[in-house]
Amino acid sequence: MEMTKETKMAWLKGVLPSFSQVVLIEHPISGALIFLALVVADLQIAALALCGCLVANFTAHMLQVDHAQIEGGLIGFSPVLVGIAAGTFVEGLAAWPITLVGSAMCVLITLVINHLFSQQDLPGLTFPFILTTWFFLLLSFSSRWITTSRIAQLPQAAIGDGSLVFPDILIKGVGEIFLLDNSISSLLILAAIFVASVRWGCLAIGAIAFSLVGAFILGGNLDTLSLGLYSYNCILTFLALDLFLTKRNPQLSGLLLGVGGVLTVCLDFALPTVLGIAGLPVLTFSFVAATWFTLYLEKLLVRT
C-alpha cells in the first residue's frame, strides 16, 4: 500500500497517544511524559517500546485499519507494552526480534479480540499484550535462542514480612503499570495522568490507597507493597471502570467500582500461585479480568 502524506501524519499522531492509551488516555502531552518516564528508567526499554509502536502502526496500515484508531493510539498501546515486556523479561539482543514479531502479531490479536468482545460490549483492554507476552515466554522455555529473566516472582515466596518503604509505597504502583521500578518515572506517569484529567489523577491516588489497605488486610508482604505490585492493576481497574461504566445509577456505579477494586486486589494475590506454575507473570491480567467481570455484572443489573 502506498505511503501517503496522510498515512505518515497518522503514524506521527498515533505515537504519543499509544503510550498514553496504556492508562486509557488519549493525550499527546501525557504520552510524551510517559515516554520520558521510560527513557529515565531505561533507554533500551524506551527504544523497544517506541519500536513496538511503530511496527504496530505499519502493520495496521498494511491491514487497512481505520486511521482514526491508529491516530488515537488504540492499535499501538498493547505493542508498546510488548516492547517493554521484551526488554524486561528477555536477555540480550533477542528482545529486538521478539519486539518486532510480537508487535505485529499483537495487532492481529487486537483486531480479533476487539471484534469478539465488542459483541458483548466489552473492551479488549490490554489482553492482546498479555496473550502475546505469555506466548513468547512459553516459547522461550523450549528455545535455546531466547533466554528469559525475572519471569514469575511470587509475592507469597518472599521471606519474612519485609518493611514498608516511603515514599515508594505511595508512587511505585504507577510505574509498575509499565513494568518500571523507578520512583522518578512513577512520578512522571502520575503527572501524565493529572495532565489529562485532575479527576483521574485523584482517582489513581485513591486506587493506590484502596489497594494498599486491601493488600495489608490480606497480609501481603510489605516489600511487595512498597514495590507497587499490589497497586498497579487496581489503578487501571479504577480508571477503566470510570471510563466504561454507564453510570445510569450513581450509587450502583460506586458499588461496582468497589467490587472491581476488591476483585483486582484478590486476583493479585491468587493469580501468581496459579500462573507461577507455568512460570508466567500476572502482568495486567488482574485488571483485565476484574474489569470484564464488573462491566458484565453492570450489564446484568442495569442494561437488561
C-alpha atoms as a PDB file:
ATOM      1  CA  MET A   1       0.000   0.000   0.000  1.00  0.00           C
ATOM      2  CA  GLU A   2       1.283   3.454  -0.922  1.00  0.00           C
ATOM      3  CA  MET A   3       2.698   5.524   1.929  1.00  0.00           C
ATOM      4  CA  THR A   4       0.818   8.817   1.568  1.00  0.00           C
ATOM      5  CA  LYS A   5       1.334  12.060   3.487  1.00  0.00           C
ATOM      6  CA  GLU A   6      -1.932  11.364   5.309  1.00  0.00           C
ATOM      7  CA  THR A   7      -0.637   7.958   6.419  1.00  0.00           C
ATOM      8  CA  LYS A   8       2.631   9.423   7.680  1.00  0.00           C
ATOM      9  CA  MET A   9       0.690  12.018   9.684  1.00  0.00           C
ATOM     10  CA  ALA A  10      -1.461   9.248  11.166  1.00  0.00           C
ATOM     11  CA  TRP A  11       1.704   7.454  12.281  1.00  0.00           C
ATOM     12  CA  LEU A  12       3.090  10.641  13.801  1.00  0.00           C
ATOM     13  CA  LYS A  13      -0.147  11.494  15.576  1.00  0.00           C
ATOM     14  CA  GLY A  14      -0.533   7.919  16.802  1.00  0.00           C
ATOM     15  CA  VAL A  15       2.843   7.530  18.533  1.00  0.00           C
ATOM     16  CA  LEU A  16       2.339   9.583  21.690  1.00  0.00           C
ATOM     17  CA  PRO A  17      -1.318   8.530  22.234  1.00  0.00           C
ATOM     18  CA  SER A  18      -0.130   4.909  22.024  1.00  0.00           C
ATOM     19  CA  PHE A  19       1.866   5.497  25.200  1.00  0.00           C
ATOM     20  CA  SER A  20      -0.951   7.330  26.981  1.00  0.00           C
ATOM     21  CA  GLN A  21      -3.613   4.789  25.958  1.00  0.00           C
ATOM     22  CA  VAL A  22      -1.915   2.249  28.232  1.00  0.00           C
ATOM     23  CA  VAL A  23      -3.589   4.214  31.042  1.00  0.00           C
ATOM     24  CA  LEU A  24      -6.727   4.712  28.908  1.00  0.00           C
ATOM     25  CA  ILE A  25      -5.883   8.308  27.999  1.00  0.00           C
ATOM     26  CA  GLU A  26      -5.698   9.886  24.539  1.00  0.00           C
ATOM     27  CA  HIS A  27      -3.468  12.882  25.162  1.00  0.00           C
ATOM     28  CA  PRO A  28      -0.173  13.670  23.362  1.00  0.00           C
ATOM     29  CA  ILE A  29       1.388  15.544  26.295  1.00  0.00           C
ATOM     30  CA  SER A  30       0.561  12.668  28.617  1.00  0.00           C
ATOM     31  CA  GLY A  31       2.090  10.301  26.062  1.00  0.00           C
ATOM     32  CA  ALA A  32       5.256  12.412  25.927  1.00  0.00           C
ATOM     33  CA  LEU A  33       5.569  12.368  29.726  1.00  0.00           C
ATOM     34  CA  ILE A  34       5.132   8.602  29.793  1.00  0.00           C
ATOM     35  CA  PHE A  35       7.757   8.125  27.082  1.00  0.00           C
ATOM     36  CA  LEU A  36      10.081  10.377  29.092  1.00  0.00           C
ATOM     37  CA  ALA A  37       9.418   8.176  32.118  1.00  0.00           C
ATOM     38  CA  LEU A  38      10.571   5.158  30.104  1.00  0.00           C
ATOM     39  CA  VAL A  39      13.721   6.991  28.973  1.00  0.00           C
ATOM     40  CA  VAL A  40      14.529   7.932  32.567  1.00  0.00           C
ATOM     41  CA  ALA A  41      14.104   4.334  33.724  1.00  0.00           C
ATOM     42  CA  ASP A  42      15.853   2.507  30.877  1.00  0.00           C
ATOM     43  CA  LEU A  43      16.834   3.850  27.465  1.00  0.00           C
ATOM     44  CA  GLN A  44      16.708   0.431  25.779  1.00  0.00           C
ATOM     45  CA  ILE A  45      13.211  -0.287  27.108  1.00  0.00           C
ATOM     46  CA  ALA A  46      12.068   3.122  25.837  1.00  0.00           C
ATOM     47  CA  ALA A  47      13.528   2.312  22.406  1.00  0.00           C
ATOM     48  CA  LEU A  48      11.854  -1.105  22.357  1.00  0.00           C
ATOM     49  CA  ALA A  49       8.506   0.443  23.308  1.00  0.00           C
ATOM     50  CA  LEU A  50       8.817   3.005  20.511  1.00  0.00           C
ATOM     51  CA  CYS A  51       9.814   0.260  18.085  1.00  0.00           C
ATOM     52  CA  GLY A  52       6.763  -1.768  19.078  1.00  0.00           C
ATOM     53  CA  CYS A  53       4.505   1.205  18.465  1.00  0.00           C
ATOM     54  CA  LEU A  54       5.955   1.954  15.016  1.00  0.00           C
ATOM     55  CA  VAL A  55       5.794  -1.682  13.918  1.00  0.00           C
ATOM     56  CA  ALA A  56       2.184  -1.858  15.080  1.00  0.00           C
ATOM     57  CA  ASN A  57       1.247   1.286  13.147  1.00  0.00           C
ATOM     58  CA  PHE A  58       2.916  -0.061   9.996  1.00  0.00           C
ATOM     59  CA  THR A  59       1.153  -3.410  10.359  1.00  0.00           C
ATOM     60  CA  ALA A  60      -2.191  -1.683  10.921  1.00  0.00           C
ATOM     61  CA  HIS A  61      -1.621   0.429   7.818  1.00  0.00           C
ATOM     62  CA  MET A  62      -0.884  -2.675   5.734  1.00  0.00           C
ATOM     63  CA  LEU A  63      -4.082  -4.266   7.058  1.00  0.00           C
ATOM     64  CA  GLN A  64      -6.006  -1.080   6.151  1.00  0.00           C
ATOM     65  CA  VAL A  65      -7.116  -0.445   9.716  1.00  0.00           C
ATOM     66  CA  ASP A  66      -9.066   2.787  10.170  1.00  0.00           C
ATOM     67  CA  HIS A  67      -6.659   5.729  10.543  1.00  0.00           C
ATOM     68  CA  ALA A  68      -8.669   7.070  13.475  1.00  0.00           C
ATOM     69  CA  GLN A  69      -7.743   4.004  15.507  1.00  0.00           C
ATOM     70  CA  ILE A  70      -4.065   4.431  14.648  1.00  0.00           C
ATOM     71  CA  GLU A  71      -4.078   8.156  15.441  1.00  0.00           C
ATOM     72  CA  GLY A  72      -5.893   7.539  18.724  1.00  0.00           C
ATOM     73  CA  GLY A  73      -3.257   5.049  19.878  1.00  0.00           C
ATOM     74  CA  LEU A  74      -5.804   2.236  20.067  1.00  0.00           C
ATOM     75  CA  ILE A  75      -3.634  -0.036  17.935  1.00  0.00           C
ATOM     76  CA  GLY A  76      -0.238   0.866  19.367  1.00  0.00           C
ATOM     77  CA  PHE A  77      -0.690   0.721  23.142  1.00  0.00           C
ATOM     78  CA  SER A  78      -0.510  -3.057  23.564  1.00  0.00           C
ATOM     79  CA  PRO A  79       2.574  -3.296  21.295  1.00  0.00           C
ATOM     80  CA  VAL A  80       4.184  -0.566  23.433  1.00  0.00           C
ATOM     81  CA  LEU A  81       3.772  -2.906  26.395  1.00  0.00           C
ATOM     82  CA  VAL A  82       5.054  -5.850  24.338  1.00  0.00           C
ATOM     83  CA  GLY A  83       8.281  -3.926  23.711  1.00  0.00           C
ATOM     84  CA  ILE A  84       8.595  -3.086  27.403  1.00  0.00           C
ATOM     85  CA  ALA A  85       7.962  -6.707  28.375  1.00  0.00           C
ATOM     86  CA  ALA A  86      10.565  -7.931  25.874  1.00  0.00           C
ATOM     87  CA  GLY A  87      13.136  -5.573  27.352  1.00  0.00           C
ATOM     88  CA  THR A  88      12.188  -6.632  30.877  1.00  0.00           C
ATOM     89  CA  PHE A  89      11.927 -10.402  30.550  1.00  0.00           C
ATOM     90  CA  VAL A  90      14.257 -11.273  27.650  1.00  0.00           C
ATOM     91  CA  GLU A  91      18.039 -11.078  27.927  1.00  0.00           C
ATOM     92  CA  GLY A  92      20.346  -9.853  25.177  1.00  0.00           C
ATOM     93  CA  LEU A  93      19.619  -8.952  21.574  1.00  0.00           C
ATOM     94  CA  ALA A  94      16.726 -11.418  21.339  1.00  0.00           C
ATOM     95  CA  ALA A  95      14.482  -8.701  22.807  1.00  0.00           C
ATOM     96  CA  TRP A  96      14.574  -6.838  19.485  1.00  0.00           C
ATOM     97  CA  PRO A  97      13.281  -9.540  17.092  1.00  0.00           C
ATOM     98  CA  ILE A  98      10.705 -10.532  19.711  1.00  0.00           C
ATOM     99  CA  THR A  99       9.513  -6.932  19.810  1.00  0.00           C
ATOM    100  CA  LEU A 100       9.315  -6.765  16.025  1.00  0.00           C
ATOM    101  CA  VAL A 101       7.434 -10.039  15.569  1.00  0.00           C
ATOM    102  CA  GLY A 102       5.435  -9.711  18.773  1.00  0.00           C
ATOM    103  CA  SER A 103       4.186  -6.203  17.968  1.00  0.00           C
ATOM    104  CA  ALA A 104       2.965  -7.239  14.524  1.00  0.00           C
ATOM    105  CA  MET A 105       1.312 -10.339  15.987  1.00  0.00           C
ATOM    106  CA  CYS A 106      -0.216  -8.219  18.739  1.00  0.00           C
ATOM    107  CA  VAL A 107      -2.042  -6.097  16.151  1.00  0.00           C
ATOM    108  CA  LEU A 108      -3.678  -9.206  14.699  1.00  0.00           C
ATOM    109  CA  ILE A 109      -4.672 -10.390  18.173  1.00  0.00           C
ATOM    110  CA  THR A 110      -6.019  -6.913  18.974  1.00  0.00           C
ATOM    111  CA  LEU A 111      -8.283  -6.922  15.931  1.00  0.00           C
ATOM    112  CA  VAL A 112      -9.652 -10.372  16.774  1.00  0.00           C
ATOM    113  CA  ILE A 113     -10.110  -9.643  20.493  1.00  0.00           C
ATOM    114  CA  ASN A 114     -11.805  -6.307  19.837  1.00  0.00           C
ATOM    115  CA  HIS A 115     -14.196  -7.917  17.364  1.00  0.00           C
ATOM    116  CA  LEU A 116     -15.099 -10.811  19.663  1.00  0.00           C
ATOM    117  CA  PHE A 117     -15.535  -8.765  22.825  1.00  0.00           C
ATOM    118  CA  SER A 118     -17.361  -5.887  21.151  1.00  0.00           C
ATOM    119  CA  GLN A 119     -20.226  -8.312  20.640  1.00  0.00           C
ATOM    120  CA  GLN A 120     -20.541  -8.391  24.439  1.00  0.00           C
ATOM    121  CA  ASP A 121     -19.988  -4.616  24.751  1.00  0.00           C
ATOM    122  CA  LEU A 122     -16.669  -5.245  26.481  1.00  0.00           C
ATOM    123  CA  PRO A 123     -13.353  -3.505  25.690  1.00  0.00           C
ATOM    124  CA  GLY A 124     -10.292  -5.545  24.734  1.00  0.00           C
ATOM    125  CA  LEU A 125      -8.104  -3.585  27.169  1.00  0.00           C
ATOM    126  CA  THR A 126      -4.531  -4.950  27.454  1.00  0.00           C
ATOM    127  CA  PHE A 127      -5.497  -8.577  26.818  1.00  0.00           C
ATOM    128  CA  PRO A 128      -3.657  -8.694  23.434  1.00  0.00           C
ATOM    129  CA  PHE A 129      -0.451  -7.634  25.201  1.00  0.00           C
ATOM    130  CA  ILE A 130      -0.942 -10.325  27.853  1.00  0.00           C
ATOM    131  CA  LEU A 131      -1.521 -13.100  25.313  1.00  0.00           C
ATOM    132  CA  THR A 132       1.443 -12.029  23.172  1.00  0.00           C
ATOM    133  CA  THR A 133       3.823 -11.812  26.131  1.00  0.00           C
ATOM    134  CA  TRP A 134       2.718 -15.134  27.616  1.00  0.00           C
ATOM    135  CA  PHE A 135       3.129 -16.783  24.199  1.00  0.00           C
ATOM    136  CA  PHE A 136       6.763 -15.698  23.823  1.00  0.00           C
ATOM    137  CA  LEU A 137       7.616 -16.560  27.425  1.00  0.00           C
ATOM    138  CA  LEU A 138       6.189 -20.059  26.973  1.00  0.00           C
ATOM    139  CA  LEU A 139       8.074 -20.337  23.680  1.00  0.00           C
ATOM    140  CA  SER A 140      11.320 -19.386  25.423  1.00  0.00           C
ATOM    141  CA  PHE A 141      11.148 -22.398  27.747  1.00  0.00           C
ATOM    142  CA  SER A 142      11.828 -24.718  24.811  1.00  0.00           C
ATOM    143  CA  SER A 143      14.071 -22.420  22.791  1.00  0.00           C
ATOM    144  CA  ARG A 144      17.838 -22.207  23.104  1.00  0.00           C
ATOM    145  CA  TRP A 145      17.798 -18.823  21.364  1.00  0.00           C
ATOM    146  CA  ILE A 146      15.689 -16.991  23.951  1.00  0.00           C
ATOM    147  CA  THR A 147      16.975 -16.516  27.483  1.00  0.00           C
ATOM    148  CA  THR A 148      14.479 -15.075  29.925  1.00  0.00           C
ATOM    149  CA  SER A 149      14.855 -13.495  33.338  1.00  0.00           C
ATOM    150  CA  ARG A 150      12.555 -12.225  36.105  1.00  0.00           C
ATOM    151  CA  ILE A 151       9.701 -14.444  34.929  1.00  0.00           C
ATOM    152  CA  ALA A 152       7.345 -15.077  37.842  1.00  0.00           C
ATOM    153  CA  GLN A 153       8.279 -13.609  41.174  1.00  0.00           C
ATOM    154  CA  LEU A 154       5.660 -14.785  43.625  1.00  0.00           C
ATOM    155  CA  PRO A 155       4.843 -12.278  46.371  1.00  0.00           C
ATOM    156  CA  GLN A 156       3.997 -15.239  48.605  1.00  0.00           C
ATOM    157  CA  ALA A 157       7.513 -16.576  48.199  1.00  0.00           C
ATOM    158  CA  ALA A 158       9.116 -13.556  49.861  1.00  0.00           C
ATOM    159  CA  ILE A 159      10.973 -14.385  53.050  1.00  0.00           C
ATOM    160  CA  GLY A 160       9.703 -12.641  56.164  1.00  0.00           C
ATOM    161  CA  ASP A 161       7.307  -9.737  56.428  1.00  0.00           C
ATOM    162  CA  GLY A 162       9.641  -7.195  54.865  1.00  0.00           C
ATOM    163  CA  SER A 163       9.302  -3.498  55.586  1.00  0.00           C
ATOM    164  CA  LEU A 164       7.431  -0.516  54.220  1.00  0.00           C
ATOM    165  CA  VAL A 165       9.499   1.937  52.204  1.00  0.00           C
ATOM    166  CA  PHE A 166       8.273   5.518  51.926  1.00  0.00           C
ATOM    167  CA  PRO A 167       7.525   7.198  49.581  1.00  0.00           C
ATOM    168  CA  ASP A 168       7.904   4.159  47.283  1.00  0.00           C
ATOM    169  CA  ILE A 169       4.751   2.531  48.610  1.00  0.00           C
ATOM    170  CA  LEU A 170       2.708   5.572  47.536  1.00  0.00           C
ATOM    171  CA  ILE A 171       4.035   6.047  43.994  1.00  0.00           C
ATOM    172  CA  LYS A 172       5.737   2.965  42.577  1.00  0.00           C
ATOM    173  CA  GLY A 173       2.462   1.284  41.668  1.00  0.00           C
ATOM    174  CA  VAL A 174       2.016   3.846  38.885  1.00  0.00           C
ATOM    175  CA  GLY A 175       5.378   2.906  37.371  1.00  0.00           C
ATOM    176  CA  GLU A 176       4.652  -0.818  37.600  1.00  0.00           C
ATOM    177  CA  ILE A 177       1.870  -0.357  35.037  1.00  0.00           C
ATOM    178  CA  PHE A 178       4.784  -0.096  32.603  1.00  0.00           C
ATOM    179  CA  LEU A 179       6.912  -2.678  34.481  1.00  0.00           C
ATOM    180  CA  LEU A 180       9.126   0.135  35.817  1.00  0.00           C
ATOM    181  CA  ASP A 181      10.751   0.094  39.247  1.00  0.00           C
ATOM    182  CA  ASN A 182      11.739   3.745  39.338  1.00  0.00           C
ATOM    183  CA  SER A 183      10.362   6.491  41.593  1.00  0.00           C
ATOM    184  CA  ILE A 184      11.061   9.391  39.207  1.00  0.00           C
ATOM    185  CA  SER A 185       9.416   7.515  36.322  1.00  0.00           C
ATOM    186  CA  SER A 186       6.419   6.780  38.530  1.00  0.00           C
ATOM    187  CA  LEU A 187       6.021  10.479  39.343  1.00  0.00           C
ATOM    188  CA  LEU A 188       6.219  11.361  35.639  1.00  0.00           C
ATOM    189  CA  ILE A 189       3.496   8.832  34.804  1.00  0.00           C
ATOM    190  CA  LEU A 190       1.309  10.135  37.635  1.00  0.00           C
ATOM    191  CA  ALA A 191       1.872  13.658  36.296  1.00  0.00           C
ATOM    192  CA  ALA A 192       0.811  12.411  32.845  1.00  0.00           C
ATOM    193  CA  ILE A 193      -2.497  11.229  34.286  1.00  0.00           C
ATOM    194  CA  PHE A 194      -3.055  14.560  36.067  1.00  0.00           C
ATOM    195  CA  VAL A 195      -2.280  16.472  32.854  1.00  0.00           C
ATOM    196  CA  ALA A 196      -5.072  14.628  31.074  1.00  0.00           C
ATOM    197  CA  SER A 197      -7.541  14.830  33.973  1.00  0.00           C
ATOM    198  CA  VAL A 198      -7.162  16.057  37.542  1.00  0.00           C
ATOM    199  CA  ARG A 199     -10.105  13.871  38.458  1.00  0.00           C
ATOM    200  CA  TRP A 200      -8.373  10.785  37.056  1.00  0.00           C
ATOM    201  CA  GLY A 201      -5.171  11.708  38.850  1.00  0.00           C
ATOM    202  CA  CYS A 202      -7.084  11.800  42.129  1.00  0.00           C
ATOM    203  CA  LEU A 203      -8.788   8.528  41.158  1.00  0.00           C
ATOM    204  CA  ALA A 204      -5.369   6.922  40.618  1.00  0.00           C
ATOM    205  CA  ILE A 205      -4.247   8.061  44.062  1.00  0.00           C
ATOM    206  CA  GLY A 206      -7.486   6.706  45.514  1.00  0.00           C
ATOM    207  CA  ALA A 207      -6.832   3.374  43.800  1.00  0.00           C
ATOM    208  CA  ILE A 208      -3.363   3.215  45.351  1.00  0.00           C
ATOM    209  CA  ALA A 209      -4.786   3.838  48.822  1.00  0.00           C
ATOM    210  CA  PHE A 210      -7.581   1.293  48.236  1.00  0.00           C
ATOM    211  CA  SER A 211      -5.174  -1.404  47.045  1.00  0.00           C
ATOM    212  CA  LEU A 212      -2.723  -0.834  49.886  1.00  0.00           C
ATOM    213  CA  VAL A 213      -5.448  -1.164  52.505  1.00  0.00           C
ATOM    214  CA  GLY A 214      -6.793  -4.281  50.808  1.00  0.00           C
ATOM    215  CA  ALA A 215      -3.347  -5.862  50.453  1.00  0.00           C
ATOM    216  CA  PHE A 216      -2.469  -5.068  54.066  1.00  0.00           C
ATOM    217  CA  ILE A 217      -5.723  -6.657  55.280  1.00  0.00           C
ATOM    218  CA  LEU A 218      -4.971  -9.780  53.236  1.00  0.00           C
ATOM    219  CA  GLY A 219      -1.490  -9.949  54.759  1.00  0.00           C
ATOM    220  CA  GLY A 220       0.627  -9.046  51.749  1.00  0.00           C
ATOM    221  CA  ASN A 221       4.394  -8.954  52.051  1.00  0.00           C
ATOM    222  CA  LEU A 222       5.480  -5.405  52.938  1.00  0.00           C
ATOM    223  CA  ASP A 223       8.356  -5.362  50.446  1.00  0.00           C
ATOM    224  CA  THR A 224       5.904  -6.261  47.687  1.00  0.00           C
ATOM    225  CA  LEU A 225       3.574  -3.473  48.806  1.00  0.00           C
ATOM    226  CA  SER A 226       6.447  -0.998  48.666  1.00  0.00           C
ATOM    227  CA  LEU A 227       7.278  -2.038  45.097  1.00  0.00           C
ATOM    228  CA  GLY A 228       3.717  -1.227  43.997  1.00  0.00           C
ATOM    229  CA  LEU A 229       2.981  -4.763  42.823  1.00  0.00           C
ATOM    230  CA  TYR A 230      -0.392  -4.766  44.602  1.00  0.00           C
ATOM    231  CA  SER A 231      -1.361  -1.324  43.272  1.00  0.00           C
ATOM    232  CA  TYR A 232      -0.818  -1.041  39.518  1.00  0.00           C
ATOM    233  CA  ASN A 233      -3.677  -3.303  38.450  1.00  0.00           C
ATOM    234  CA  CYS A 234      -6.064  -1.550  40.816  1.00  0.00           C
ATOM    235  CA  ILE A 235      -5.165   1.831  39.309  1.00  0.00           C
ATOM    236  CA  LEU A 236      -6.038   0.543  35.838  1.00  0.00           C
ATOM    237  CA  THR A 237      -9.260  -1.031  37.081  1.00  0.00           C
ATOM    238  CA  PHE A 238     -10.454   2.206  38.669  1.00  0.00           C
ATOM    239  CA  LEU A 239      -9.655   4.207  35.523  1.00  0.00           C
ATOM    240  CA  ALA A 240     -11.264   1.650  33.197  1.00  0.00           C
ATOM    241  CA  LEU A 241     -14.455   1.369  35.245  1.00  0.00           C
ATOM    242  CA  ASP A 242     -14.758   5.135  35.480  1.00  0.00           C
ATOM    243  CA  LEU A 243     -14.484   5.242  31.687  1.00  0.00           C
ATOM    244  CA  PHE A 244     -16.670   2.285  30.695  1.00  0.00           C
ATOM    245  CA  LEU A 245     -19.408   2.061  33.345  1.00  0.00           C
ATOM    246  CA  THR A 246     -22.664   3.512  32.018  1.00  0.00           C
ATOM    247  CA  LYS A 247     -23.287   5.313  35.346  1.00  0.00           C
ATOM    248  CA  ARG A 248     -27.034   5.227  34.941  1.00  0.00           C
ATOM    249  CA  ASN A 249     -27.235   4.638  38.672  1.00  0.00           C
ATOM    250  CA  PRO A 250     -24.530   6.612  40.555  1.00  0.00           C
ATOM    251  CA  GLN A 251     -24.898   4.566  43.750  1.00  0.00           C
ATOM    252  CA  LEU A 252     -24.618   1.293  41.844  1.00  0.00           C
ATOM    253  CA  SER A 253     -21.619   2.628  39.905  1.00  0.00           C
ATOM    254  CA  GLY A 254     -19.847   3.464  43.162  1.00  0.00           C
ATOM    255  CA  LEU A 255     -20.580  -0.007  44.484  1.00  0.00           C
ATOM    256  CA  LEU A 256     -19.324  -1.618  41.273  1.00  0.00           C
ATOM    257  CA  LEU A 257     -16.123   0.435  41.478  1.00  0.00           C
ATOM    258  CA  GLY A 258     -15.549  -1.052  44.923  1.00  0.00           C
ATOM    259  CA  VAL A 259     -16.356  -4.549  43.656  1.00  0.00           C
ATOM    260  CA  GLY A 260     -13.850  -4.152  40.826  1.00  0.00           C
ATOM    261  CA  GLY A 261     -11.191  -2.896  43.227  1.00  0.00           C
ATOM    262  CA  VAL A 262     -11.684  -5.743  45.711  1.00  0.00           C
ATOM    263  CA  LEU A 263     -11.656  -8.338  42.946  1.00  0.00           C
ATOM    264  CA  THR A 264      -8.467  -6.863  41.471  1.00  0.00           C
ATOM    265  CA  VAL A 265      -6.620  -6.991  44.790  1.00  0.00           C
ATOM    266  CA  CYS A 266      -7.781 -10.557  45.429  1.00  0.00           C
ATOM    267  CA  LEU A 267      -6.689 -11.635  41.942  1.00  0.00           C
ATOM    268  CA  ASP A 268      -3.284 -10.035  42.524  1.00  0.00           C
ATOM    269  CA  PHE A 269      -2.926 -12.386  45.488  1.00  0.00           C
ATOM    270  CA  ALA A 270      -4.385 -15.505  43.825  1.00  0.00           C
ATOM    271  CA  LEU A 271      -3.049 -15.431  40.259  1.00  0.00           C
ATOM    272  CA  PRO A 272       0.708 -15.563  40.979  1.00  0.00           C
ATOM    273  CA  THR A 273       0.241 -19.000  42.538  1.00  0.00           C
ATOM    274  CA  VAL A 274      -1.631 -20.332  39.501  1.00  0.00           C
ATOM    275  CA  LEU A 275       0.418 -18.642  36.787  1.00  0.00           C
ATOM    276  CA  GLY A 276       3.665 -19.273  38.655  1.00  0.00           C
ATOM    277  CA  ILE A 277       3.216 -22.987  37.970  1.00  0.00           C
ATOM    278  CA  ALA A 278       3.691 -22.194  34.276  1.00  0.00           C
ATOM    279  CA  GLY A 279       6.396 -19.620  35.036  1.00  0.00           C
ATOM    280  CA  LEU A 280       4.272 -16.718  33.827  1.00  0.00           C
ATOM    281  CA  PRO A 281       3.915 -13.223  35.322  1.00  0.00           C
ATOM    282  CA  VAL A 282       0.493 -11.794  36.143  1.00  0.00           C
ATOM    283  CA  LEU A 283       1.127  -8.629  34.110  1.00  0.00           C
ATOM    284  CA  THR A 284      -2.195  -6.726  33.837  1.00  0.00           C
ATOM    285  CA  PHE A 285      -4.437  -9.781  33.848  1.00  0.00           C
ATOM    286  CA  SER A 286      -5.942  -8.976  37.267  1.00  0.00           C
ATOM    287  CA  PHE A 287      -7.093  -5.631  35.887  1.00  0.00           C
ATOM    288  CA  VAL A 288      -8.495  -7.148  32.694  1.00  0.00           C
ATOM    289  CA  ALA A 289     -10.393  -9.960  34.433  1.00  0.00           C
ATOM    290  CA  ALA A 290     -11.782  -7.716  37.178  1.00  0.00           C
ATOM    291  CA  THR A 291     -12.881  -5.039  34.697  1.00  0.00           C
ATOM    292  CA  TRP A 292     -14.612  -7.523  32.405  1.00  0.00           C
ATOM    293  CA  PHE A 293     -16.411  -9.142  35.343  1.00  0.00           C
ATOM    294  CA  THR A 294     -17.579  -5.810  36.753  1.00  0.00           C
ATOM    295  CA  LEU A 295     -18.754  -4.435  33.409  1.00  0.00           C
ATOM    296  CA  TYR A 296     -20.663  -7.621  32.659  1.00  0.00           C
ATOM    297  CA  LEU A 297     -22.173  -7.515  36.148  1.00  0.00           C
ATOM    298  CA  GLU A 298     -23.400  -3.981  35.467  1.00  0.00           C
ATOM    299  CA  LYS A 299     -24.833  -5.192  32.192  1.00  0.00           C
ATOM    300  CA  LEU A 300     -26.852  -7.839  34.036  1.00  0.00           C
ATOM    301  CA  LEU A 301     -28.027  -5.397  36.710  1.00  0.00           C
ATOM    302  CA  VAL A 302     -28.701  -2.277  34.657  1.00  0.00           C
ATOM    303  CA  ARG A 303     -28.738  -2.775  30.920  1.00  0.00           C
ATOM    304  CA  THR A 304     -31.203  -5.653  30.757  1.00  0.00           C
END
